Amino acid sequence: MTRLRRTFYDPKLLSLLTFLVWVGFSLLFLPDDYQAFAFLFLIPLTWQAGLRGLGWVVPLLLGSNLLQCLYPWGGFSWDNLLVTTLPGVMALGFVAMLRERDWRRKRELEESLRYMHLLEEGSLAISNAADPLELTESAMTALHNLKIAPHLAFVRFREGRPVVVSARGGLERYRGRHLPQQKLSSLASLTDSFTVGNYLEGIPESVGWSTAAVPVSARQKRPLGVVILAREGHRPFEAKEKAIVNSLARIMGAQLGQMEALRQLEDAYDGTLRALGLALEFRDHETQGHTRRVAAWADQLAQDVGLDASMRKFLRWGAYLHDIGKLSISDHILRKPGKLTEEEWEVMKTHVTKGWEMLSRVPFLPQETLEVVRHHHENWDGTGYPDGLKGQDIPLLARIFAVVDTFDALYSPRPYKRAWTPAEIIEELQRLKGKKLDPRLVDIFIRRITSPVGKGAMEAANPSRSQGAWPGSP
């Protein structure tokens, strides 16, 4: 019953039945002029079928009108047929065109909504990227999902030559490679005379492709690269398509430019802090090379512990600056060749608080770095200085640095001592576990320095010193 009711209320069927009833009724009871209104009953059918429906709606109308003109038989007139049929055909054609326009606008709206959704997803992925490589890949994935071009490449300039940083489709195999054509500069992609064909010369796959290029720029129009779009056939990219890609390229350029600017700023910070640490080494000739070594070993131990890149950076800055407070210690104490007196030792111990006080005024230094400077002489058992912290109360980065700082003091020769042998170093580190150093960190560090990779790193860091055999090494 439900199925029958559904069939009966089908708009197409109702329209057709109504039309047939009208044709029969007008044929039997009404003058011929009323047949001109028959097209009204075919409008619902035409609205649903569009232009495709005219192929059977018009013959249906023409047939009914022809039948009307022939009944009663012998009364046919071409003029009468034309007058009753032509207005209806024109009206149905107009309805069909309106329907097609409605469908076209609906498709355009759906396509626009799809593009907006994909652009939103792509923008979020670009904004959440952790590094330039992830950002580039996220942007290229978003562009590929737009399905505007099956073949994509993001080209940047390295040493003045165009290099494919990321690609999709037929240009994928050129990822990481210089493009065959090398005539263009980085500024060429921002000029009106720029032609993408110059980039793709020498690429066999590009023969017969339609291509376009969208520049990727940071703020102040600083060029970062260009996105190449390509598809088979000779169908040029429309302005609307390039505008959609350009909207995502602007987001990509802004984020990439900001990310690279931050990286340059961090590199500047890193270089400045490293220079400060090296400046102290020039004053204290006994520790030359110490800053570079402890920074490298601290980073290796931090990786073994599982710290992320940001924490490792803060630790590295702390390694550069850990003894910066010694700049406040007079030369007769800092460079005294003999043993310090008790009073001199108390002055020497103030270098950690002096360094912490100086660096606290540097706005970009994080708390984690300052903690390394202040607490790298705290002992696990609470006997260290300046605050007598104990165990887990000592910040983790300071505990990590204390291990590598102690190791370097043993491993490197000084004017007042020889470099310890590997066996002596391992024995001393084991002795200091639970006293001066965090036991867990000592075990992790010993595993590293006794591994083949760790032993190679030790030799590379200080090749001039005499080496014994590391325990556990072949």
Foldseek 3Di string as FASTA:
>chain_A
DVVVVVVVPDLVVVLVVVLVVVLVCCLPPNALLVLLCSLVSCLVVLLVPAPVSCVPSLVVSLVSSQVSCCVVHPRHDPVSSCVSRVVSSVVSNVSSVVSVVVVVVVVVVVLVVVLVVLLVQLLVQLVPDPALLSNVVSLQVSLCVNVLFQWKFWWFADPQFTATCQIGDPCRVRHGHTQPQRPDGLCLLVDPPRDCVSRNPPPVVQVQKAKDKAFQAEPPRHGGTIMMGIHHHDDHRDPVSNVSSNVSSPSSNHSNVVRVVVVVVLVVVLVVLLVLLQVVCVVQVQCHLVLVQLLVLLLVLCVLVPDDPVLNSLLNSLSSQQQSLCVVPDCCLRVPPDDDDPVSVVVSLCSLVSSLVVCVPPVVRDPSSSLLNNQLQAFQCQPGDDPSDHHPRRDPSSLSSNLSSVLCVQQPQGPVGARHAQVVSLVVLVVRDNTGHPNVSSVSSLVQCLDPVNVVVSCVSPVVHDYDHHPPDD
